[in-house]
Amino acid sequence: MGKRKADKPGTDVPMVSSDLNVKTAWLYYVEGLTQEQIAEKLGVSRVKVMRTLAACTAEGVVITTINAETAAQVALERALEKRWDLDAAVVIPTPSDKENLEKAIGHAVALYLGEQMQDGMTLAIGGGATLHASLAFMARRQLKSASVIGLVGSLPHSQWINPSIVAAKVAEVFGVDSYQITAPVMVHDPALRDLLWEQPELLEVRQRAADADIALITVGEISPDATIFRHAIVPAALIPSLKAKGAVANILSYFVDAAGKLVDHEVNDRVMAIGLDVVSAIPNVVLAAGGRHKIAAIRAALKAVEANVLITDSETAKALSEG
């Protein structure tokens, strides 16, 4: 048997097929050849290959599917974005051990901040277990002309749950200054709260928060297991009266109803935190929360602060996209 002509220099024979369109699509989508390689094999121009591939898609010869473990998560993200008019949603797999949920969402928060925070930007941040969990996954960077603003006051007994700790540690990660509300999260008298907000230093913090580029917050439900009650930031004894007023969620220690409106309860008049109306006006409001026990609270929070981005888990995402 003689030597094939195709083996001789300059005598390559163009590839043929019973259906060159399908063959072109096969080489590109299945075998992963580049358009230039296909053009060489078929003996046609790259423009011809491009047109053929476009025609295959338009005519239904090629139906693209995404075969990846994250495809279901992306589908949920798109459902959330449409249902809640979000700019973006980030959905992570729900951990098999629900005790790891805050850590898993915290990891996603750290990745988000790592991508979004740039020189010259200001981050306004709340507190809570989920945001504290994110600290373990944040990569240190040195930003220029950036800052972090704490959205909530402090606790006299400084432990991980202290909201000001989260803001200070995030600022440390990015190598920037932090600004804090140097007053208790809860004061005993509404008149004292009003007096504190008249202080120039605190007015400056509030203005810096209003001028922030990103607001990062979480939300808690109304139950004894919620962080705000479990750690006695607000006495658990107030739960019945809060529920009687329609409270379903707490955001930055403010209590809101299912419509996202502040409930008519005296505790809301004693909170030292940036107002939800101020937070809502920040260009990019990111809400990070998950767990089926928080679904009603998350729905309320999405309305209360007009969130742009939601970071949550797949089980929660499914429930939120359905109702």
C-alpha atoms as a PDB file:
ATOM      1  CA  MET A   1       0.000   0.000   0.000  1.00  0.00           C
ATOM      2  CA  GLY A   2       1.444   3.322  -1.010  1.00  0.00           C
ATOM      3  CA  LYS A   3       1.991   6.267   1.281  1.00  0.00           C
ATOM      4  CA  ARG A   4      -1.088   8.442   1.801  1.00  0.00           C
ATOM      5  CA  LYS A   5      -0.915  11.815   0.068  1.00  0.00           C
ATOM      6  CA  ALA A   6      -1.950  13.534   3.240  1.00  0.00           C
ATOM      7  CA  ASP A   7       1.366  12.490   4.792  1.00  0.00           C
ATOM      8  CA  LYS A   8       3.367  14.426   2.221  1.00  0.00           C
ATOM      9  CA  PRO A   9       4.212  18.061   2.876  1.00  0.00           C
ATOM     10  CA  GLY A  10       1.733  20.465   1.304  1.00  0.00           C
ATOM     11  CA  THR A  11      -0.710  17.764   0.216  1.00  0.00           C
ATOM     12  CA  ASP A  12      -3.118  17.730   3.204  1.00  0.00           C
ATOM     13  CA  VAL A  13      -6.589  16.752   2.063  1.00  0.00           C
ATOM     14  CA  PRO A  14      -9.452  18.737   3.557  1.00  0.00           C
ATOM     15  CA  MET A  15     -11.645  16.781   5.959  1.00  0.00           C
ATOM     16  CA  VAL A  16     -14.950  15.721   4.487  1.00  0.00           C
ATOM     17  CA  SER A  17     -18.145  14.447   6.019  1.00  0.00           C
ATOM     18  CA  SER A  18     -21.712  13.584   5.246  1.00  0.00           C
ATOM     19  CA  ASP A  19     -22.584  16.751   7.177  1.00  0.00           C
ATOM     20  CA  LEU A  20     -19.773  19.265   7.440  1.00  0.00           C
ATOM     21  CA  ASN A  21     -21.830  21.543   9.654  1.00  0.00           C
ATOM     22  CA  VAL A  22     -22.225  18.839  12.258  1.00  0.00           C
ATOM     23  CA  LYS A  23     -18.594  17.839  11.898  1.00  0.00           C
ATOM     24  CA  THR A  24     -17.535  21.439  12.449  1.00  0.00           C
ATOM     25  CA  ALA A  25     -19.668  21.643  15.566  1.00  0.00           C
ATOM     26  CA  TRP A  26     -18.319  18.305  16.803  1.00  0.00           C
ATOM     27  CA  LEU A  27     -14.706  19.363  16.415  1.00  0.00           C
ATOM     28  CA  TYR A  28     -15.337  22.626  18.249  1.00  0.00           C
ATOM     29  CA  TYR A  29     -17.673  21.625  21.078  1.00  0.00           C
ATOM     30  CA  VAL A  30     -16.724  17.987  21.669  1.00  0.00           C
ATOM     31  CA  GLU A  31     -13.057  17.693  20.707  1.00  0.00           C
ATOM     32  CA  GLY A  32     -12.187  21.226  21.746  1.00  0.00           C
ATOM     33  CA  LEU A  33     -10.317  22.276  18.616  1.00  0.00           C
ATOM     34  CA  THR A  34      -9.858  25.973  18.004  1.00  0.00           C
ATOM     35  CA  GLN A  35     -11.550  27.706  15.098  1.00  0.00           C
ATOM     36  CA  GLU A  36      -8.186  28.083  13.378  1.00  0.00           C
ATOM     37  CA  GLN A  37      -7.420  24.354  13.716  1.00  0.00           C
ATOM     38  CA  ILE A  38     -10.814  23.454  12.297  1.00  0.00           C
ATOM     39  CA  ALA A  39     -10.361  25.855   9.403  1.00  0.00           C
ATOM     40  CA  GLU A  40      -7.063  24.164   8.577  1.00  0.00           C
ATOM     41  CA  LYS A  41      -8.552  20.677   8.763  1.00  0.00           C
ATOM     42  CA  LEU A  42     -11.545  21.608   6.598  1.00  0.00           C
ATOM     43  CA  GLY A  43      -9.562  23.750   4.222  1.00  0.00           C
ATOM     44  CA  VAL A  44     -11.821  26.754   4.735  1.00  0.00           C
ATOM     45  CA  SER A  45     -11.405  30.216   6.201  1.00  0.00           C
ATOM     46  CA  ARG A  46     -11.814  30.958   9.913  1.00  0.00           C
ATOM     47  CA  VAL A  47     -14.715  33.236   9.019  1.00  0.00           C
ATOM     48  CA  LYS A  48     -16.447  30.267   7.384  1.00  0.00           C
ATOM     49  CA  VAL A  49     -15.991  28.229  10.558  1.00  0.00           C
ATOM     50  CA  MET A  50     -17.396  31.043  12.687  1.00  0.00           C
ATOM     51  CA  ARG A  51     -20.454  31.349  10.459  1.00  0.00           C
ATOM     52  CA  THR A  52     -21.010  27.597  10.495  1.00  0.00           C
ATOM     53  CA  LEU A  53     -20.871  27.440  14.293  1.00  0.00           C
ATOM     54  CA  ALA A  54     -23.292  30.347  14.556  1.00  0.00           C
ATOM     55  CA  ALA A  55     -25.661  28.640  12.120  1.00  0.00           C
ATOM     56  CA  CYS A  56     -25.499  25.375  14.072  1.00  0.00           C
ATOM     57  CA  THR A  57     -26.585  27.195  17.211  1.00  0.00           C
ATOM     58  CA  ALA A  58     -29.329  29.156  15.446  1.00  0.00           C
ATOM     59  CA  GLU A  59     -30.721  26.052  13.708  1.00  0.00           C
ATOM     60  CA  GLY A  60     -30.670  23.911  16.843  1.00  0.00           C
ATOM     61  CA  VAL A  61     -27.923  21.593  15.572  1.00  0.00           C
ATOM     62  CA  VAL A  62     -26.052  22.505  18.750  1.00  0.00           C
ATOM     63  CA  ILE A  63     -27.917  22.838  22.030  1.00  0.00           C
ATOM     64  CA  THR A  64     -25.506  24.029  24.675  1.00  0.00           C
ATOM     65  CA  THR A  65     -25.826  22.588  28.162  1.00  0.00           C
ATOM     66  CA  ILE A  66     -23.623  23.259  31.160  1.00  0.00           C
ATOM     67  CA  ASN A  67     -22.630  19.995  32.777  1.00  0.00           C
ATOM     68  CA  ALA A  68     -21.100  21.096  36.067  1.00  0.00           C
ATOM     69  CA  GLU A  69     -21.813  20.620  39.758  1.00  0.00           C
ATOM     70  CA  THR A  70     -22.423  24.335  40.095  1.00  0.00           C
ATOM     71  CA  ALA A  71     -25.019  24.479  37.329  1.00  0.00           C
ATOM     72  CA  ALA A  72     -27.872  23.978  39.791  1.00  0.00           C
ATOM     73  CA  GLN A  73     -26.490  26.755  41.982  1.00  0.00           C
ATOM     74  CA  VAL A  74     -26.292  29.105  39.021  1.00  0.00           C
ATOM     75  CA  ALA A  75     -29.900  28.283  38.155  1.00  0.00           C
ATOM     76  CA  LEU A  76     -30.920  29.225  41.694  1.00  0.00           C
ATOM     77  CA  GLU A  77     -28.899  32.427  41.478  1.00  0.00           C
ATOM     78  CA  ARG A  78     -30.746  33.434  38.325  1.00  0.00           C
ATOM     79  CA  ALA A  79     -34.092  32.575  39.940  1.00  0.00           C
ATOM     80  CA  LEU A  80     -33.281  34.745  42.961  1.00  0.00           C
ATOM     81  CA  GLU A  81     -32.081  37.609  40.798  1.00  0.00           C
ATOM     82  CA  LYS A  82     -35.330  37.619  38.867  1.00  0.00           C
ATOM     83  CA  ARG A  83     -37.636  37.056  41.845  1.00  0.00           C
ATOM     84  CA  TRP A  84     -36.083  39.754  44.032  1.00  0.00           C
ATOM     85  CA  ASP A  85     -34.800  42.122  41.343  1.00  0.00           C
ATOM     86  CA  LEU A  86     -31.207  41.632  42.491  1.00  0.00           C
ATOM     87  CA  ASP A  87     -28.100  42.705  40.645  1.00  0.00           C
ATOM     88  CA  ALA A  88     -26.516  39.421  41.681  1.00  0.00           C
ATOM     89  CA  ALA A  89     -26.994  36.378  43.877  1.00  0.00           C
ATOM     90  CA  VAL A  90     -24.328  34.028  45.186  1.00  0.00           C
ATOM     91  CA  VAL A  91     -25.577  30.567  46.125  1.00  0.00           C
ATOM     92  CA  ILE A  92     -23.411  28.011  47.896  1.00  0.00           C
ATOM     93  CA  PRO A  93     -24.296  24.340  48.528  1.00  0.00           C
ATOM     94  CA  THR A  94     -26.086  23.866  51.827  1.00  0.00           C
ATOM     95  CA  PRO A  95     -23.653  21.985  54.116  1.00  0.00           C
ATOM     96  CA  SER A  96     -24.734  18.531  55.247  1.00  0.00           C
ATOM     97  CA  ASP A  97     -23.964  19.641  58.795  1.00  0.00           C
ATOM     98  CA  LYS A  98     -26.067  22.767  59.330  1.00  0.00           C
ATOM     99  CA  GLU A  99     -23.701  23.875  62.090  1.00  0.00           C
ATOM    100  CA  ASN A 100     -21.238  24.753  59.324  1.00  0.00           C
ATOM    101  CA  LEU A 101     -23.680  27.010  57.472  1.00  0.00           C
ATOM    102  CA  GLU A 102     -22.424  30.311  58.892  1.00  0.00           C
ATOM    103  CA  LYS A 103     -18.855  29.309  58.099  1.00  0.00           C
ATOM    104  CA  ALA A 104     -19.779  28.323  54.540  1.00  0.00           C
ATOM    105  CA  ILE A 105     -21.601  31.587  53.870  1.00  0.00           C
ATOM    106  CA  GLY A 106     -18.762  33.444  55.564  1.00  0.00           C
ATOM    107  CA  HIS A 107     -16.351  31.902  53.074  1.00  0.00           C
ATOM    108  CA  ALA A 108     -18.487  33.177  50.201  1.00  0.00           C
ATOM    109  CA  VAL A 109     -18.586  36.627  51.811  1.00  0.00           C
ATOM    110  CA  ALA A 110     -14.791  36.692  52.030  1.00  0.00           C
ATOM    111  CA  LEU A 111     -14.471  35.786  48.355  1.00  0.00           C
ATOM    112  CA  TYR A 112     -16.974  38.474  47.409  1.00  0.00           C
ATOM    113  CA  LEU A 113     -15.174  41.175  49.358  1.00  0.00           C
ATOM    114  CA  GLY A 114     -11.840  40.058  47.957  1.00  0.00           C
ATOM    115  CA  GLU A 115     -13.163  40.608  44.447  1.00  0.00           C
ATOM    116  CA  GLN A 116     -15.143  43.792  45.049  1.00  0.00           C
ATOM    117  CA  MET A 117     -13.076  45.896  47.450  1.00  0.00           C
ATOM    118  CA  GLN A 118     -10.649  48.130  45.571  1.00  0.00           C
ATOM    119  CA  ASP A 119      -8.530  51.197  46.245  1.00  0.00           C
ATOM    120  CA  GLY A 120     -10.542  54.247  47.220  1.00  0.00           C
ATOM    121  CA  MET A 121     -13.638  52.302  48.291  1.00  0.00           C
ATOM    122  CA  THR A 122     -15.531  52.471  51.574  1.00  0.00           C
ATOM    123  CA  LEU A 123     -17.159  49.408  53.108  1.00  0.00           C
ATOM    124  CA  ALA A 124     -19.912  49.820  55.709  1.00  0.00           C
ATOM    125  CA  ILE A 125     -20.342  46.600  57.663  1.00  0.00           C
ATOM    126  CA  GLY A 126     -22.553  45.159  60.361  1.00  0.00           C
ATOM    127  CA  GLY A 127     -21.813  42.332  62.773  1.00  0.00           C
ATOM    128  CA  GLY A 128     -23.064  38.880  63.639  1.00  0.00           C
ATOM    129  CA  ALA A 129     -21.907  35.289  63.449  1.00  0.00           C
ATOM    130  CA  THR A 130     -21.902  35.013  59.645  1.00  0.00           C
ATOM    131  CA  LEU A 131     -19.794  38.124  59.080  1.00  0.00           C
ATOM    132  CA  HIS A 132     -17.462  37.175  61.918  1.00  0.00           C
ATOM    133  CA  ALA A 133     -17.010  33.746  60.312  1.00  0.00           C
ATOM    134  CA  SER A 134     -15.869  35.423  57.089  1.00  0.00           C
ATOM    135  CA  LEU A 135     -12.795  36.846  58.825  1.00  0.00           C
ATOM    136  CA  ALA A 136     -11.076  33.455  58.828  1.00  0.00           C
ATOM    137  CA  PHE A 137     -11.131  33.349  55.014  1.00  0.00           C
ATOM    138  CA  MET A 138     -10.134  36.900  54.107  1.00  0.00           C
ATOM    139  CA  ALA A 139      -6.803  37.314  52.345  1.00  0.00           C
ATOM    140  CA  ARG A 140      -4.721  40.236  53.541  1.00  0.00           C
ATOM    141  CA  ARG A 141      -4.311  43.070  51.067  1.00  0.00           C
ATOM    142  CA  GLN A 142      -3.100  46.628  51.249  1.00  0.00           C
ATOM    143  CA  LEU A 143      -5.696  48.986  49.822  1.00  0.00           C
ATOM    144  CA  LYS A 144      -5.081  52.664  49.247  1.00  0.00           C
ATOM    145  CA  SER A 145      -7.436  55.463  50.309  1.00  0.00           C
ATOM    146  CA  ALA A 146     -10.049  52.934  51.450  1.00  0.00           C
ATOM    147  CA  SER A 147     -11.896  52.585  54.764  1.00  0.00           C
ATOM    148  CA  VAL A 148     -14.290  50.413  56.758  1.00  0.00           C
ATOM    149  CA  ILE A 149     -17.230  51.849  58.696  1.00  0.00           C
ATOM    150  CA  GLY A 150     -18.966  50.006  61.518  1.00  0.00           C
ATOM    151  CA  LEU A 151     -22.737  50.224  61.146  1.00  0.00           C
ATOM    152  CA  VAL A 152     -23.571  49.202  64.720  1.00  0.00           C
ATOM    153  CA  GLY A 153     -22.448  50.375  68.147  1.00  0.00           C
ATOM    154  CA  SER A 154     -20.299  48.390  70.566  1.00  0.00           C
ATOM    155  CA  LEU A 155     -20.794  46.012  73.472  1.00  0.00           C
ATOM    156  CA  PRO A 156     -19.201  46.725  76.853  1.00  0.00           C
ATOM    157  CA  HIS A 157     -18.121  43.080  77.106  1.00  0.00           C
ATOM    158  CA  SER A 158     -15.874  42.645  74.082  1.00  0.00           C
ATOM    159  CA  GLN A 159     -16.140  39.195  72.532  1.00  0.00           C
ATOM    160  CA  TRP A 160     -16.483  37.898  68.988  1.00  0.00           C
ATOM    161  CA  ILE A 161     -20.108  38.939  68.806  1.00  0.00           C
ATOM    162  CA  ASN A 162     -19.200  42.600  69.320  1.00  0.00           C
ATOM    163  CA  PRO A 163     -20.147  44.297  66.011  1.00  0.00           C
ATOM    164  CA  SER A 164     -17.273  46.775  66.227  1.00  0.00           C
ATOM    165  CA  ILE A 165     -14.781  43.899  66.297  1.00  0.00           C
ATOM    166  CA  VAL A 166     -15.891  42.737  62.846  1.00  0.00           C
ATOM    167  CA  ALA A 167     -15.398  46.196  61.339  1.00  0.00           C
ATOM    168  CA  ALA A 168     -12.000  46.649  62.982  1.00  0.00           C
ATOM    169  CA  LYS A 169     -10.716  43.243  61.872  1.00  0.00           C
ATOM    170  CA  VAL A 170     -11.903  43.691  58.279  1.00  0.00           C
ATOM    171  CA  ALA A 171     -10.117  47.046  58.218  1.00  0.00           C
ATOM    172  CA  GLU A 172      -6.991  45.315  59.491  1.00  0.00           C
ATOM    173  CA  VAL A 173      -7.207  42.735  56.697  1.00  0.00           C
ATOM    174  CA  PHE A 174      -7.293  45.484  54.083  1.00  0.00           C
ATOM    175  CA  GLY A 175      -4.737  47.633  55.882  1.00  0.00           C
ATOM    176  CA  VAL A 176      -7.083  50.616  56.122  1.00  0.00           C
ATOM    177  CA  ASP A 177      -8.653  52.859  58.766  1.00  0.00           C
ATOM    178  CA  SER A 178     -11.882  51.921  60.492  1.00  0.00           C
ATOM    179  CA  TYR A 179     -14.535  54.230  61.923  1.00  0.00           C
ATOM    180  CA  GLN A 180     -16.753  53.123  64.780  1.00  0.00           C
ATOM    181  CA  ILE A 181     -19.928  54.165  66.555  1.00  0.00           C
ATOM    182  CA  THR A 182     -18.355  54.627  69.987  1.00  0.00           C
ATOM    183  CA  ALA A 183     -21.533  54.042  71.955  1.00  0.00           C
ATOM    184  CA  PRO A 184     -23.417  50.970  73.212  1.00  0.00           C
ATOM    185  CA  VAL A 185     -25.543  49.067  70.728  1.00  0.00           C
ATOM    186  CA  MET A 186     -28.484  49.666  73.020  1.00  0.00           C
ATOM    187  CA  VAL A 187     -28.961  52.664  75.297  1.00  0.00           C
ATOM    188  CA  HIS A 188     -31.606  52.863  78.005  1.00  0.00           C
ATOM    189  CA  ASP A 189     -33.229  56.117  76.961  1.00  0.00           C
ATOM    190  CA  PRO A 190     -34.254  57.355  73.485  1.00  0.00           C
ATOM    191  CA  ALA A 191     -33.312  60.887  74.563  1.00  0.00           C
ATOM    192  CA  LEU A 192     -29.765  59.699  75.258  1.00  0.00           C
ATOM    193  CA  ARG A 193     -29.584  58.159  71.801  1.00  0.00           C
ATOM    194  CA  ASP A 194     -30.610  61.444  70.220  1.00  0.00           C
ATOM    195  CA  LEU A 195     -28.026  63.293  72.301  1.00  0.00           C
ATOM    196  CA  LEU A 196     -25.273  60.879  71.281  1.00  0.00           C
ATOM    197  CA  TRP A 197     -26.096  61.340  67.597  1.00  0.00           C
ATOM    198  CA  GLU A 198     -25.556  65.056  68.023  1.00  0.00           C
ATOM    199  CA  GLN A 199     -21.892  64.476  68.800  1.00  0.00           C
ATOM    200  CA  PRO A 200     -19.710  65.640  65.881  1.00  0.00           C
ATOM    201  CA  GLU A 201     -17.620  62.471  65.954  1.00  0.00           C
ATOM    202  CA  LEU A 202     -20.658  60.240  65.559  1.00  0.00           C
ATOM    203  CA  LEU A 203     -22.189  62.487  62.939  1.00  0.00           C
ATOM    204  CA  GLU A 204     -18.976  62.037  60.950  1.00  0.00           C
ATOM    205  CA  VAL A 205     -19.285  58.248  61.212  1.00  0.00           C
ATOM    206  CA  ARG A 206     -22.878  58.421  60.012  1.00  0.00           C
ATOM    207  CA  GLN A 207     -21.907  60.597  57.051  1.00  0.00           C
ATOM    208  CA  ARG A 208     -19.061  58.264  56.119  1.00  0.00           C
ATOM    209  CA  ALA A 209     -21.503  55.350  56.201  1.00  0.00           C
ATOM    210  CA  ALA A 210     -23.910  57.236  53.963  1.00  0.00           C
ATOM    211  CA  ASP A 211     -21.084  57.817  51.478  1.00  0.00           C
ATOM    212  CA  ALA A 212     -20.009  54.140  51.450  1.00  0.00           C
ATOM    213  CA  ASP A 213     -19.718  52.138  48.239  1.00  0.00           C
ATOM    214  CA  ILE A 214     -20.730  48.778  49.744  1.00  0.00           C
ATOM    215  CA  ALA A 215     -22.878  47.890  52.740  1.00  0.00           C
ATOM    216  CA  LEU A 216     -22.452  44.336  54.052  1.00  0.00           C
ATOM    217  CA  ILE A 217     -25.073  43.150  56.509  1.00  0.00           C
ATOM    218  CA  THR A 218     -26.777  40.040  57.786  1.00  0.00           C
ATOM    219  CA  VAL A 219     -30.167  39.371  59.374  1.00  0.00           C
ATOM    220  CA  GLY A 220     -31.490  37.465  62.347  1.00  0.00           C
ATOM    221  CA  GLU A 221     -34.834  35.870  63.092  1.00  0.00           C
ATOM    222  CA  ILE A 222     -37.021  36.530  66.139  1.00  0.00           C
ATOM    223  CA  SER A 223     -36.261  33.558  68.367  1.00  0.00           C
ATOM    224  CA  PRO A 224     -34.253  32.817  71.521  1.00  0.00           C
ATOM    225  CA  ASP A 225     -31.588  31.185  69.310  1.00  0.00           C
ATOM    226  CA  ALA A 226     -30.954  34.375  67.338  1.00  0.00           C
ATOM    227  CA  THR A 227     -27.605  35.977  68.081  1.00  0.00           C
ATOM    228  CA  ILE A 228     -29.106  39.228  69.327  1.00  0.00           C
ATOM    229  CA  PHE A 229     -31.129  37.396  72.006  1.00  0.00           C
ATOM    230  CA  ARG A 230     -28.757  34.523  72.723  1.00  0.00           C
ATOM    231  CA  HIS A 231     -26.041  36.992  73.690  1.00  0.00           C
ATOM    232  CA  ALA A 232     -28.440  39.342  75.511  1.00  0.00           C
ATOM    233  CA  ILE A 233     -27.829  42.328  73.246  1.00  0.00           C
ATOM    234  CA  VAL A 234     -31.590  42.610  73.510  1.00  0.00           C
ATOM    235  CA  PRO A 235     -33.329  40.746  76.367  1.00  0.00           C
ATOM    236  CA  ALA A 236     -35.115  37.615  75.202  1.00  0.00           C
ATOM    237  CA  ALA A 237     -38.010  38.687  77.415  1.00  0.00           C
ATOM    238  CA  LEU A 238     -38.900  41.234  74.710  1.00  0.00           C
ATOM    239  CA  ILE A 239     -39.572  38.546  72.093  1.00  0.00           C
ATOM    240  CA  PRO A 240     -43.327  38.209  72.825  1.00  0.00           C
ATOM    241  CA  SER A 241     -43.924  41.977  72.649  1.00  0.00           C
ATOM    242  CA  LEU A 242     -41.824  42.276  69.485  1.00  0.00           C
ATOM    243  CA  LYS A 243     -43.787  39.496  67.801  1.00  0.00           C
ATOM    244  CA  ALA A 244     -47.034  41.131  68.931  1.00  0.00           C
ATOM    245  CA  LYS A 245     -45.936  44.198  66.975  1.00  0.00           C
ATOM    246  CA  GLY A 246     -45.293  42.046  63.903  1.00  0.00           C
ATOM    247  CA  ALA A 247     -41.490  41.765  64.087  1.00  0.00           C
ATOM    248  CA  VAL A 248     -40.046  38.947  61.968  1.00  0.00           C
ATOM    249  CA  ALA A 249     -36.407  40.055  61.629  1.00  0.00           C
ATOM    250  CA  ASN A 250     -33.644  42.122  63.167  1.00  0.00           C
ATOM    251  CA  ILE A 251     -31.217  44.032  60.962  1.00  0.00           C
ATOM    252  CA  LEU A 252     -28.395  46.012  62.572  1.00  0.00           C
ATOM    253  CA  SER A 253     -30.349  45.515  65.832  1.00  0.00           C
ATOM    254  CA  TYR A 254     -33.453  47.184  64.373  1.00  0.00           C
ATOM    255  CA  PHE A 255     -36.640  45.119  64.297  1.00  0.00           C
ATOM    256  CA  VAL A 256     -38.785  45.024  61.165  1.00  0.00           C
ATOM    257  CA  ASP A 257     -42.023  43.397  60.057  1.00  0.00           C
ATOM    258  CA  ALA A 258     -42.669  41.183  57.025  1.00  0.00           C
ATOM    259  CA  ALA A 259     -42.919  44.249  54.798  1.00  0.00           C
ATOM    260  CA  GLY A 260     -39.492  45.425  55.909  1.00  0.00           C
ATOM    261  CA  LYS A 261     -40.852  48.334  57.953  1.00  0.00           C
ATOM    262  CA  LEU A 262     -39.649  49.235  61.440  1.00  0.00           C
ATOM    263  CA  VAL A 263     -42.110  47.956  64.023  1.00  0.00           C
ATOM    264  CA  ASP A 264     -43.633  50.332  66.553  1.00  0.00           C
ATOM    265  CA  HIS A 265     -41.668  49.080  69.555  1.00  0.00           C
ATOM    266  CA  GLU A 266     -39.709  51.151  72.054  1.00  0.00           C
ATOM    267  CA  VAL A 267     -36.544  49.113  71.512  1.00  0.00           C
ATOM    268  CA  ASN A 268     -36.148  50.576  68.017  1.00  0.00           C
ATOM    269  CA  ASP A 269     -35.847  54.021  69.607  1.00  0.00           C
ATOM    270  CA  ARG A 270     -32.838  52.932  71.647  1.00  0.00           C
ATOM    271  CA  VAL A 271     -30.618  51.444  68.941  1.00  0.00           C
ATOM    272  CA  MET A 272     -27.240  53.020  68.232  1.00  0.00           C
ATOM    273  CA  ALA A 273     -26.810  51.941  64.629  1.00  0.00           C
ATOM    274  CA  ILE A 274     -26.894  53.575  61.229  1.00  0.00           C
ATOM    275  CA  GLY A 275     -30.518  53.847  60.088  1.00  0.00           C
ATOM    276  CA  LEU A 276     -31.897  51.336  57.618  1.00  0.00           C
ATOM    277  CA  ASP A 277     -32.933  54.197  55.354  1.00  0.00           C
ATOM    278  CA  VAL A 278     -29.303  55.354  55.185  1.00  0.00           C
ATOM    279  CA  VAL A 279     -28.080  51.819  54.492  1.00  0.00           C
ATOM    280  CA  SER A 280     -30.697  51.295  51.794  1.00  0.00           C
ATOM    281  CA  ALA A 281     -29.361  54.336  49.900  1.00  0.00           C
ATOM    282  CA  ILE A 282     -25.821  52.899  49.677  1.00  0.00           C
ATOM    283  CA  PRO A 283     -25.157  51.911  46.024  1.00  0.00           C
ATOM    284  CA  ASN A 284     -24.372  48.240  46.701  1.00  0.00           C
ATOM    285  CA  VAL A 285     -26.169  46.609  49.634  1.00  0.00           C
ATOM    286  CA  VAL A 286     -25.060  43.028  50.209  1.00  0.00           C
ATOM    287  CA  LEU A 287     -27.118  40.733  52.425  1.00  0.00           C
ATOM    288  CA  ALA A 288     -25.433  37.546  53.646  1.00  0.00           C
ATOM    289  CA  ALA A 289     -27.691  35.045  55.424  1.00  0.00           C
ATOM    290  CA  GLY A 290     -28.965  31.498  55.141  1.00  0.00           C
ATOM    291  CA  GLY A 291     -30.874  28.712  56.814  1.00  0.00           C
ATOM    292  CA  ARG A 292     -34.520  27.712  56.512  1.00  0.00           C
ATOM    293  CA  HIS A 293     -35.181  29.178  59.966  1.00  0.00           C
ATOM    294  CA  LYS A 294     -34.280  32.598  58.534  1.00  0.00           C
ATOM    295  CA  ILE A 295     -36.401  32.565  55.381  1.00  0.00           C
ATOM    296  CA  ALA A 296     -39.062  34.963  56.700  1.00  0.00           C
ATOM    297  CA  ALA A 297     -36.341  37.207  58.115  1.00  0.00           C
ATOM    298  CA  ILE A 298     -34.407  37.267  54.832  1.00  0.00           C
ATOM    299  CA  ARG A 299     -37.539  38.131  52.874  1.00  0.00           C
ATOM    300  CA  ALA A 300     -38.131  41.050  55.224  1.00  0.00           C
ATOM    301  CA  ALA A 301     -34.511  42.191  55.019  1.00  0.00           C
ATOM    302  CA  LEU A 302     -34.536  42.148  51.209  1.00  0.00           C
ATOM    303  CA  LYS A 303     -37.427  44.608  51.369  1.00  0.00           C
ATOM    304  CA  ALA A 304     -36.104  46.679  54.261  1.00  0.00           C
ATOM    305  CA  VAL A 305     -32.752  47.597  52.715  1.00  0.00           C
ATOM    306  CA  GLU A 306     -33.493  47.079  49.011  1.00  0.00           C
ATOM    307  CA  ALA A 307     -30.560  44.681  48.741  1.00  0.00           C
ATOM    308  CA  ASN A 308     -28.570  44.504  45.521  1.00  0.00           C
ATOM    309  CA  VAL A 309     -26.763  41.246  46.276  1.00  0.00           C
ATOM    310  CA  LEU A 310     -27.794  38.173  48.276  1.00  0.00           C
ATOM    311  CA  ILE A 311     -25.293  35.572  49.484  1.00  0.00           C
ATOM    312  CA  THR A 312     -27.049  32.460  50.743  1.00  0.00           C
ATOM    313  CA  ASP A 313     -27.220  28.653  50.577  1.00  0.00           C
ATOM    314  CA  SER A 314     -29.035  26.452  48.096  1.00  0.00           C
ATOM    315  CA  GLU A 315     -31.895  25.262  50.360  1.00  0.00           C
ATOM    316  CA  THR A 316     -32.653  28.806  51.403  1.00  0.00           C
ATOM    317  CA  ALA A 317     -32.338  30.035  47.829  1.00  0.00           C
ATOM    318  CA  LYS A 318     -34.878  27.480  46.625  1.00  0.00           C
ATOM    319  CA  ALA A 319     -37.417  28.577  49.237  1.00  0.00           C
ATOM    320  CA  LEU A 320     -36.820  32.280  48.552  1.00  0.00           C
ATOM    321  CA  SER A 321     -37.182  31.869  44.803  1.00  0.00           C
ATOM    322  CA  GLU A 322     -40.524  30.125  45.230  1.00  0.00           C
ATOM    323  CA  GLY A 323     -42.225  32.699  47.384  1.00  0.00           C
END
